[in-house]
Amino acid sequence: MAGGQERELRRRIKSVNATKKITKAMELIAASQISKSQARIHANRPYRDGMVRLIVEAASANKSIAAKMLGTPENPKVITVVCMAGDRGLSGAYNSSALRATERLLAEKKATGAEIRLVTVGKKAPAYFRFRGFDVYQSFQGFSDKPVFENAREVAGAIAAPFTAGDVDQVILVSTAYRSAAVQEVVVNQLLPLPAPEEDAMDGAAPQAAKAAEGYTDFEPDVEHLLAELAPKAVEAEVFAALLEGAASFHASQQRAMAAATENAEELARTLIRTMNRARQDAITTEIMEIVGGAEALRPAKGA
C-alpha cells in the first residue's frame, strides 16, 4: 500500500512540475507584452488628445449646434452598452471585473425603462451574459489581446451608425483602464453623445487638450457638418484607446495570475515531496520492523 501511495505521489509531483513550467512560460510571455502595450498606448495618446481638442474647438464655436452632439441625455429611450472583456482566461479578475460592472450597469439602466442593446468585445462576454438571460445585440471576438485600428473602426462603426441614424440615444462603454502594471480599474464612459467639454469625461486626455483654443478660429465646412464628421472619428479614437488599455490590462493581470500560479505550484510540489518522503520513511520503518520481527520469531527460545 505504501509503495502504491509513493507511486501516486511521484505522478502528482511530475504533473505539478509540468504545470509550473507552463505557468512560468505564460508569466514571462505576458510580462514581455506589457511593455509593448504601454508603448502603443503612449503612441496613440497624441491622436486621441488631438481629437478631443478638435471637438472642443468646434463645440466652442457654436453652442446651440454642439448641443445636438455633446452632453448627456436626460431620459434616453434606447441605450447601447459596450462591454470590453478578453478572448482568453487565466488572467485573474480581468474578465470578471468588467463583466460584473456591465451587469450592474445593465440592471441600473433597465430599471429606468430604457431599451438596452448589448455589444460585447471578447469571447468571454457573450456566454456570460446569455447564461444570465441578457440578449447580445452584436459581438466582436479574436483581437482583444493585440488590437489594431481596423478593429476599433469596426466596433466604432457598429455603435456609431445607429446613433447617427437616431435609433440609439446613448452609447456607454465599459472597459478596463491601465493605470500601471499593478493597478487596473474598470471604468464606465459615455461615448455618444460626445461628453461636453466641461464634463471632463474624456478620461486620460491631457488637461491642455480639454481647453478651447484661444482667439478666432474659422471652420470649413460649418460646425454642424464638422461635428457630424468628427464624431465617428472621435468614437474610433476612444474605442481604440480602450482596446489598447484593455490589452495592457489583460497582460498585466495575466502576468500576476501566472506568477501566483507558479508560486502555488512550487508550494504544492514541496508539500507533495514532504508527504512522499514521509510515506517512504514509513514504508522503510515497516519493512525493518517486519525483518526484526521475523528474526525474533526464528531465534530459538532461551531454555532450549
Protein backbone atom coordinates (compact mmCIF):
# COMPACT_ATOMS: atom_id res chain seq x y z
CA MET A 1 0.00 0.00 0.00
CA ALA A 2 2.85 2.38 0.86
CA GLY A 3 4.53 1.62 -2.46
CA GLY A 4 1.33 2.44 -4.33
CA GLN A 5 0.99 5.70 -2.43
CA GLU A 6 4.56 6.62 -3.29
CA ARG A 7 3.97 5.97 -7.00
CA GLU A 8 0.83 8.15 -6.91
CA LEU A 9 2.72 10.96 -5.20
CA ARG A 10 5.54 10.76 -7.76
CA ARG A 11 2.96 11.04 -10.55
CA ARG A 12 1.35 14.07 -8.93
CA ILE A 13 4.72 15.78 -8.38
CA LYS A 14 5.59 15.25 -12.03
CA SER A 15 2.25 16.72 -13.09
CA VAL A 16 2.63 19.76 -10.81
CA ASN A 17 6.15 20.45 -12.11
CA ALA A 18 4.89 20.28 -15.71
CA THR A 19 2.12 22.74 -14.84
CA LYS A 20 4.66 25.02 -13.17
CA LYS A 21 6.71 25.16 -16.38
CA ILE A 22 3.62 26.19 -18.35
CA THR A 23 2.58 28.92 -15.91
CA LYS A 24 6.14 30.25 -15.73
CA ALA A 25 6.31 30.46 -19.53
CA MET A 26 2.95 32.26 -19.67
CA GLU A 27 4.14 34.67 -16.97
CA LEU A 28 7.25 35.56 -18.97
CA ILE A 29 5.28 35.99 -22.21
CA ALA A 30 2.73 38.26 -20.53
CA ALA A 31 5.50 40.32 -18.91
CA SER A 32 7.14 40.84 -22.31
CA GLN A 33 3.82 42.03 -23.78
CA ILE A 34 3.19 44.65 -21.09
CA SER A 35 5.95 46.99 -22.27
CA LYS A 36 4.80 46.67 -25.88
CA SER A 37 1.23 47.50 -24.89
CA GLN A 38 2.42 50.50 -22.88
CA ALA A 39 4.35 51.80 -25.89
CA ARG A 40 1.23 51.51 -28.08
CA ILE A 41 -0.84 53.42 -25.51
CA HIS A 42 1.66 56.28 -25.42
CA ALA A 43 1.93 56.34 -29.22
CA ASN A 44 -1.86 56.60 -29.58
CA ARG A 45 -2.28 59.33 -26.97
CA PRO A 46 -1.41 62.36 -29.22
CA TYR A 47 -4.03 61.34 -31.79
CA ARG A 48 -6.65 60.86 -29.11
CA ASP A 49 -5.83 64.20 -27.48
CA GLY A 50 -5.94 65.88 -30.88
CA MET A 51 -9.45 64.57 -31.50
CA VAL A 52 -10.53 65.92 -28.12
CA ARG A 53 -9.05 69.34 -28.95
CA LEU A 54 -10.87 69.48 -32.32
CA ILE A 55 -14.20 68.53 -30.72
CA VAL A 56 -13.78 71.17 -28.02
CA GLU A 57 -12.85 73.89 -30.52
CA ALA A 58 -15.81 73.08 -32.75
CA ALA A 59 -18.19 72.94 -29.79
CA SER A 60 -16.95 76.29 -28.51
CA ALA A 61 -17.71 77.91 -31.88
CA ASN A 62 -21.45 77.18 -31.82
CA LYS A 63 -23.05 76.04 -28.57
CA SER A 64 -26.55 75.51 -30.00
CA ILE A 65 -25.39 73.19 -32.77
CA ALA A 66 -22.93 71.41 -30.46
CA ALA A 67 -25.79 70.62 -28.07
CA LYS A 68 -27.05 68.04 -30.58
CA MET A 69 -23.81 66.07 -30.48
CA LEU A 70 -22.49 66.84 -27.00
CA GLY A 71 -23.74 66.40 -23.47
CA THR A 72 -25.60 63.73 -21.50
CA PRO A 73 -29.20 62.87 -22.48
CA GLU A 74 -31.66 63.20 -19.62
CA ASN A 75 -34.07 60.35 -20.43
CA PRO A 76 -32.56 58.09 -23.11
CA LYS A 77 -35.02 55.58 -24.52
CA VAL A 78 -32.53 53.32 -26.29
CA ILE A 79 -29.05 52.74 -24.85
CA THR A 80 -26.17 50.80 -26.36
CA VAL A 81 -23.83 49.31 -23.74
CA VAL A 82 -20.43 48.13 -24.98
CA CYS A 83 -18.61 45.64 -22.74
CA MET A 84 -14.90 45.03 -23.38
CA ALA A 85 -13.60 41.75 -21.99
CA GLY A 86 -10.92 39.31 -23.11
CA ASP A 87 -10.76 36.42 -25.53
CA ARG A 88 -8.84 34.24 -23.08
CA GLY A 89 -8.90 33.43 -19.41
CA LEU A 90 -6.10 32.73 -16.92
CA SER A 91 -5.94 36.46 -16.25
CA GLY A 92 -7.14 36.85 -12.68
CA ALA A 93 -10.08 39.19 -12.22
CA TYR A 94 -9.64 40.99 -15.55
CA ASN A 95 -12.68 39.47 -17.25
CA SER A 96 -14.92 39.05 -14.22
CA SER A 97 -14.50 42.67 -13.09
CA ALA A 98 -15.60 44.11 -16.43
CA LEU A 99 -18.43 41.60 -16.83
CA ARG A 100 -19.85 42.26 -13.36
CA ALA A 101 -19.61 46.03 -13.80
CA THR A 102 -21.50 45.72 -17.08
CA GLU A 103 -24.12 43.51 -15.45
CA ARG A 104 -24.70 46.12 -12.74
CA LEU A 105 -24.96 48.87 -15.38
CA LEU A 106 -27.48 46.84 -17.38
CA ALA A 107 -29.64 46.30 -14.30
CA GLU A 108 -29.44 50.01 -13.47
CA LYS A 109 -30.44 51.13 -16.97
CA LYS A 110 -33.20 48.54 -17.26
CA ALA A 111 -34.71 49.87 -14.05
CA THR A 112 -35.24 53.22 -15.80
CA GLY A 113 -37.32 51.54 -18.51
CA ALA A 114 -34.81 52.10 -21.30
CA GLU A 115 -34.26 49.58 -24.10
CA ILE A 116 -30.77 48.08 -23.89
CA ARG A 117 -28.62 46.94 -26.81
CA LEU A 118 -25.63 44.99 -25.55
CA VAL A 119 -22.48 44.91 -27.69
CA THR A 120 -19.59 42.75 -26.48
CA VAL A 121 -15.89 42.56 -27.30
CA GLY A 122 -14.08 39.32 -26.43
CA LYS A 123 -15.07 35.65 -26.35
CA LYS A 124 -15.70 35.59 -22.60
CA ALA A 125 -18.54 38.12 -22.64
CA PRO A 126 -21.32 36.55 -24.82
CA ALA A 127 -21.54 33.28 -22.87
CA TYR A 128 -21.54 35.16 -19.55
CA PHE A 129 -24.47 37.38 -20.48
CA ARG A 130 -26.50 34.75 -22.32
CA PHE A 131 -26.27 32.49 -19.28
CA ARG A 132 -27.77 35.32 -17.21
CA GLY A 133 -30.60 36.00 -19.62
CA PHE A 134 -29.24 39.06 -21.45
CA ASP A 135 -29.54 39.25 -25.23
CA VAL A 136 -26.28 40.10 -27.03
CA TYR A 137 -27.04 42.50 -29.86
CA GLN A 138 -23.62 42.18 -31.51
CA SER A 139 -20.32 40.52 -30.62
CA PHE A 140 -16.71 41.06 -31.71
CA GLN A 141 -14.02 38.49 -30.98
CA GLY A 142 -10.46 37.49 -31.72
CA PHE A 143 -8.44 40.69 -31.25
CA SER A 144 -8.70 41.79 -27.61
CA ASP A 145 -5.07 40.99 -26.69
CA LYS A 146 -3.50 42.52 -29.85
CA PRO A 147 -5.92 45.06 -31.32
CA VAL A 148 -5.27 47.17 -34.41
CA PHE A 149 -7.03 50.33 -35.52
CA GLU A 150 -9.16 48.44 -38.04
CA ASN A 151 -10.69 46.51 -35.14
CA ALA A 152 -11.57 49.78 -33.40
CA ARG A 153 -13.04 51.14 -36.63
CA GLU A 154 -15.22 48.05 -36.96
CA VAL A 155 -16.54 48.32 -33.40
CA ALA A 156 -17.00 52.10 -33.62
CA GLY A 157 -18.89 51.79 -36.91
CA ALA A 158 -21.31 49.30 -35.41
CA ILE A 159 -22.18 51.57 -32.47
CA ALA A 160 -21.94 55.00 -34.15
CA ALA A 161 -24.18 54.27 -37.16
CA PRO A 162 -27.36 53.60 -35.10
CA PHE A 163 -26.71 56.75 -33.05
CA THR A 164 -26.23 58.89 -36.16
CA ALA A 165 -29.42 57.43 -37.64
CA GLY A 166 -31.33 58.35 -34.48
CA ASP A 167 -32.07 54.75 -33.45
CA VAL A 168 -29.95 54.98 -30.29
CA ASP A 169 -29.95 57.85 -27.78
CA GLN A 170 -26.83 56.98 -25.78
CA VAL A 171 -23.74 54.76 -26.08
CA ILE A 172 -21.87 53.72 -22.91
CA LEU A 173 -18.54 51.89 -22.84
CA VAL A 174 -17.40 49.59 -20.00
CA SER A 175 -13.68 48.82 -20.24
CA THR A 176 -10.57 48.34 -18.12
CA ALA A 177 -8.22 51.31 -17.80
CA TYR A 178 -4.49 50.65 -17.45
CA ARG A 179 -3.01 52.78 -14.66
CA SER A 180 0.19 50.84 -14.02
CA ALA A 181 1.50 47.30 -14.06
CA ALA A 182 -0.01 46.82 -10.61
CA VAL A 183 -3.24 48.82 -10.95
CA GLN A 184 -6.02 48.35 -13.49
CA GLU A 185 -9.57 49.51 -12.90
CA VAL A 186 -12.91 49.16 -14.63
CA VAL A 187 -14.23 52.47 -15.98
CA VAL A 188 -17.63 53.42 -17.41
CA ASN A 189 -17.54 56.20 -20.02
CA GLN A 190 -20.17 57.72 -22.27
CA LEU A 191 -19.11 57.57 -25.93
CA LEU A 192 -22.14 59.13 -27.61
CA PRO A 193 -23.29 61.83 -27.40
CA LEU A 194 -19.75 63.07 -27.03
CA PRO A 195 -19.14 64.26 -23.46
CA ALA A 196 -19.37 68.02 -23.16
CA PRO A 197 -16.00 69.76 -22.60
CA GLU A 198 -16.93 71.00 -19.13
CA GLU A 199 -17.76 67.42 -18.03
CA ASP A 200 -14.11 66.42 -18.50
CA ALA A 201 -15.33 62.91 -19.34
CA MET A 202 -12.60 62.14 -21.84
CA ASP A 203 -10.69 60.02 -19.36
CA GLY A 204 -6.95 60.08 -19.82
CA ALA A 205 -6.87 63.13 -22.11
CA ALA A 206 -4.27 65.75 -21.45
CA PRO A 207 -5.61 68.75 -19.50
CA GLN A 208 -4.49 71.20 -22.16
CA ALA A 209 -6.40 69.22 -24.80
CA ALA A 210 -9.67 69.80 -22.98
CA LYS A 211 -9.44 73.58 -23.25
CA ALA A 212 -10.88 75.58 -26.10
CA ALA A 213 -8.42 77.32 -28.35
CA GLU A 214 -7.95 80.99 -27.68
CA GLY A 215 -8.51 83.57 -30.42
CA TYR A 216 -10.51 83.34 -33.62
CA THR A 217 -10.99 80.02 -35.42
CA ASP A 218 -12.70 79.71 -38.78
CA PHE A 219 -14.33 76.34 -39.57
CA GLU A 220 -14.98 75.00 -43.05
CA PRO A 221 -17.38 73.27 -43.54
CA ASP A 222 -19.72 74.66 -40.87
CA VAL A 223 -19.68 73.40 -37.30
CA GLU A 224 -22.70 71.13 -37.71
CA HIS A 225 -21.19 69.18 -40.61
CA LEU A 226 -17.79 69.23 -38.96
CA LEU A 227 -19.10 67.68 -35.73
CA ALA A 228 -21.06 65.09 -37.70
CA GLU A 229 -17.79 64.15 -39.41
CA LEU A 230 -15.64 64.28 -36.30
CA ALA A 231 -17.97 62.35 -34.02
CA PRO A 232 -17.33 58.90 -35.61
CA LYS A 233 -13.59 59.65 -35.69
CA ALA A 234 -13.64 60.57 -32.02
CA VAL A 235 -15.50 57.35 -31.21
CA GLU A 236 -12.91 55.36 -33.17
CA ALA A 237 -10.13 57.05 -31.19
CA GLU A 238 -11.84 56.34 -27.86
CA VAL A 239 -12.59 52.71 -28.77
CA PHE A 240 -9.02 52.13 -29.94
CA ALA A 241 -7.63 53.70 -26.76
CA ALA A 242 -9.92 51.45 -24.69
CA LEU A 243 -8.79 48.39 -26.67
CA LEU A 244 -5.13 49.25 -26.13
CA GLU A 245 -5.59 49.83 -22.41
CA GLY A 246 -7.64 46.64 -22.18
CA ALA A 247 -4.86 44.66 -23.85
CA ALA A 248 -2.26 46.11 -21.47
CA SER A 249 -4.54 45.38 -18.51
CA PHE A 250 -5.05 41.80 -19.71
CA HIS A 251 -1.31 41.14 -19.97
CA ALA A 252 -0.64 42.71 -16.57
CA SER A 253 -3.43 40.67 -14.93
CA GLN A 254 -2.24 37.50 -16.61
CA GLN A 255 1.34 38.10 -15.52
CA ARG A 256 0.25 38.44 -11.89
CA ALA A 257 -2.08 35.46 -12.11
CA MET A 258 0.58 33.21 -13.64
CA ALA A 259 3.19 34.36 -11.09
CA ALA A 260 0.79 33.39 -8.31
CA ALA A 261 0.05 30.07 -10.02
CA THR A 262 3.77 29.34 -10.32
CA GLU A 263 4.30 30.05 -6.62
CA ASN A 264 1.35 27.83 -5.72
CA ALA A 265 2.71 25.02 -7.89
CA GLU A 266 6.11 25.27 -6.19
CA GLU A 267 4.50 25.16 -2.74
CA LEU A 268 2.32 22.21 -3.73
CA ALA A 269 5.32 20.35 -5.12
CA ARG A 270 7.22 20.89 -1.85
CA THR A 271 4.25 19.65 0.15
CA LEU A 272 3.92 16.54 -2.02
CA ILE A 273 7.65 15.83 -1.76
CA ARG A 274 7.47 16.01 2.05
CA THR A 275 4.44 13.70 2.02
CA MET A 276 6.25 11.26 -0.29
CA ASN A 277 9.37 11.25 1.90
CA ARG A 278 7.19 10.59 4.93
CA ALA A 279 5.47 7.71 3.15
CA ARG A 280 8.83 6.30 2.10
CA GLN A 281 10.15 6.50 5.66
CA ASP A 282 7.02 4.79 6.93
CA ALA A 283 7.49 2.02 4.38
CA ILE A 284 11.14 1.57 5.35
CA THR A 285 10.27 1.53 9.07
CA THR A 286 7.56 -1.06 8.44
CA GLU A 287 9.96 -3.30 6.49
CA ILE A 288 12.61 -3.04 9.24
CA MET A 289 10.05 -3.94 11.88
CA GLU A 290 8.92 -6.94 9.82
CA ILE A 291 12.52 -8.13 9.40
CA VAL A 292 13.26 -7.73 13.09
CA GLY A 293 10.02 -9.47 14.00
CA GLY A 294 10.80 -12.37 11.66
CA ALA A 295 14.31 -12.70 13.06
CA GLU A 296 13.00 -12.74 16.60
CA ALA A 297 10.48 -15.41 15.66
CA LEU A 298 13.20 -17.61 14.17
CA ARG A 299 15.56 -17.22 17.17
CA PRO A 300 15.44 -20.31 19.45
CA ALA A 301 13.94 -19.98 22.88
CA LYS A 302 16.36 -19.29 25.81
CA GLY A 303 15.78 -22.51 27.60
CA ALA A 304 16.06 -24.79 24.56
